[in-house]
Protein backbone atom coordinates (compact mmCIF):
# COMPACT_ATOMS: atom_id res chain seq x y z
CA MET A 1 0.04 -0.09 -0.01
CA HIS A 2 1.43 3.33 -0.98
CA SER A 3 0.68 6.37 1.01
CA VAL A 4 0.50 9.93 -0.49
CA PRO A 5 2.05 12.52 1.68
CA MET A 6 -0.35 15.48 2.38
CA LYS A 7 1.13 18.75 1.68
CA ASN A 8 0.92 21.21 4.64
CA ASP A 9 0.40 24.58 2.93
CA ALA A 10 -0.44 26.51 6.07
CA PRO A 11 2.43 28.56 7.43
CA LYS A 12 3.15 27.56 11.13
CA PRO A 13 1.58 30.38 13.15
CA ILE A 14 3.26 31.82 16.19
CA ARG A 15 1.04 30.83 18.92
CA ARG A 16 0.55 32.06 22.56
CA ALA A 17 -1.73 30.89 25.27
CA LEU A 18 -4.85 33.11 25.33
CA LYS A 19 -5.76 34.88 28.63
CA ALA A 20 -9.04 34.03 30.41
CA THR A 21 -10.98 36.88 28.99
CA GLU A 22 -9.90 36.12 25.47
CA ILE A 23 -10.92 32.49 25.84
CA VAL A 24 -14.43 33.55 27.11
CA THR A 25 -14.78 35.94 24.29
CA GLN A 26 -13.73 33.35 21.63
CA LEU A 27 -15.74 30.63 23.23
CA ALA A 28 -18.99 32.71 23.02
CA LYS A 29 -18.55 32.90 19.14
CA LEU A 30 -18.75 28.94 19.00
CA GLU A 31 -22.03 27.02 19.50
CA GLY A 32 -21.88 23.92 21.84
CA TRP A 33 -18.21 24.17 22.61
CA THR A 34 -17.15 24.07 26.45
CA LEU A 35 -14.06 24.33 28.45
CA SER A 36 -12.66 21.22 29.94
CA GLY A 37 -9.63 20.39 32.05
CA ASP A 38 -7.45 22.86 33.87
CA GLY A 39 -3.92 24.33 33.79
CA ALA A 40 -1.75 23.01 30.83
CA SER A 41 -4.57 20.56 30.08
CA LEU A 42 -7.28 23.24 29.61
CA ALA A 43 -9.07 22.61 26.28
CA ILE A 44 -12.16 23.38 24.36
CA GLU A 45 -14.44 20.43 23.68
CA LYS A 46 -17.60 19.48 21.78
CA THR A 47 -19.38 16.20 21.13
CA TYR A 48 -20.92 15.53 17.70
CA THR A 49 -23.49 12.84 17.27
CA PHE A 50 -24.30 10.81 14.15
CA ALA A 51 -26.64 8.20 12.95
CA ASN A 52 -24.14 5.52 12.66
CA TYR A 53 -20.41 4.50 12.63
CA HIS A 54 -19.96 5.19 8.98
CA GLU A 55 -21.07 8.80 9.31
CA THR A 56 -18.81 9.22 12.47
CA ILE A 57 -15.73 7.86 10.61
CA ALA A 58 -16.46 10.08 7.64
CA PHE A 59 -16.57 13.12 10.05
CA VAL A 60 -13.15 11.94 11.69
CA ASN A 61 -11.62 11.71 8.22
CA ALA A 62 -12.66 15.25 7.42
CA ILE A 63 -11.36 16.50 10.67
CA ALA A 64 -8.00 14.73 10.06
CA PHE A 65 -7.75 16.61 6.70
CA ILE A 66 -8.33 20.02 8.48
CA ALA A 67 -5.88 19.21 11.23
CA GLN A 68 -3.20 18.20 8.79
CA ARG A 69 -3.67 21.27 6.65
CA ARG A 70 -3.57 23.59 9.72
CA ASN A 71 -0.91 21.66 11.42
CA HIS A 72 -3.04 21.58 14.43
CA HIS A 73 -4.31 18.21 15.77
CA PRO A 74 -7.15 17.67 18.13
CA GLU A 75 -7.63 14.80 20.59
CA LEU A 76 -10.40 12.67 19.20
CA GLY A 77 -12.72 10.25 21.12
CA VAL A 78 -14.25 8.10 18.50
CA HIS A 79 -17.46 5.96 19.29
CA PHE A 80 -20.14 4.21 17.33
CA ASN A 81 -22.37 7.15 16.83
CA ARG A 82 -20.41 10.17 18.13
CA CYS A 83 -17.09 11.88 18.14
CA VAL A 84 -15.57 14.09 21.06
CA VAL A 85 -13.33 16.69 19.60
CA ARG A 86 -10.97 18.35 22.02
CA PHE A 87 -8.55 21.16 21.08
CA ASN A 88 -5.65 22.77 23.03
CA THR A 89 -2.19 23.95 22.14
CA HIS A 90 0.41 21.75 23.69
CA ASP A 91 3.28 24.02 22.86
CA VAL A 92 1.77 27.02 24.69
CA GLN A 93 0.34 24.67 27.52
CA GLY A 94 -3.04 26.19 27.17
CA ILE A 95 -5.67 27.42 24.56
CA SER A 96 -4.51 29.44 21.56
CA ILE A 97 -6.45 31.24 18.72
CA SER A 98 -5.57 28.14 16.58
CA ASP A 99 -7.90 26.07 18.88
CA PHE A 100 -10.78 28.41 18.08
CA GLU A 101 -10.01 28.65 14.38
CA CYS A 102 -9.91 24.86 13.85
CA ALA A 103 -13.08 24.41 16.03
CA ALA A 104 -14.78 26.78 13.62
CA GLN A 105 -13.71 24.75 10.70
CA VAL A 106 -14.86 21.62 12.28
CA ASP A 107 -18.35 23.16 12.86
CA ALA A 108 -18.37 24.40 9.25
CA LEU A 109 -18.13 20.73 8.14
CA LEU A 110 -21.58 20.08 9.45
CA ALA A 111 -23.09 23.39 8.76
CA GLU A 112 -22.62 22.77 4.99
CA VAL A 113 -24.42 19.35 5.31
CA ALA A 114 -27.41 21.00 7.35
CA ALA A 115 -27.79 23.74 4.71
């Protein structure tokens, strides 16, 4: 089996941990995302539900494409009919703007389907 390397076109952004007020402001712009964890493990998290495993895996694959293009990879909890998506920025030991940008792109995946 041959694998095709994915080109990562996105420049690597300079990331910094957001302050609490910045996190609250950004979180208010996203529907259904919550804070989880604390300290360096603080993250934003959302659970998406699906009709079946096939739909869940299709969603996970779409997230993988976004994550690779953005060079920002979430933690994923993959289950039969749901996927828990959790973003934080390990290199800043907290939450960065990249987490919110990627979360918005993940939400946009389903917004197009619902439209």
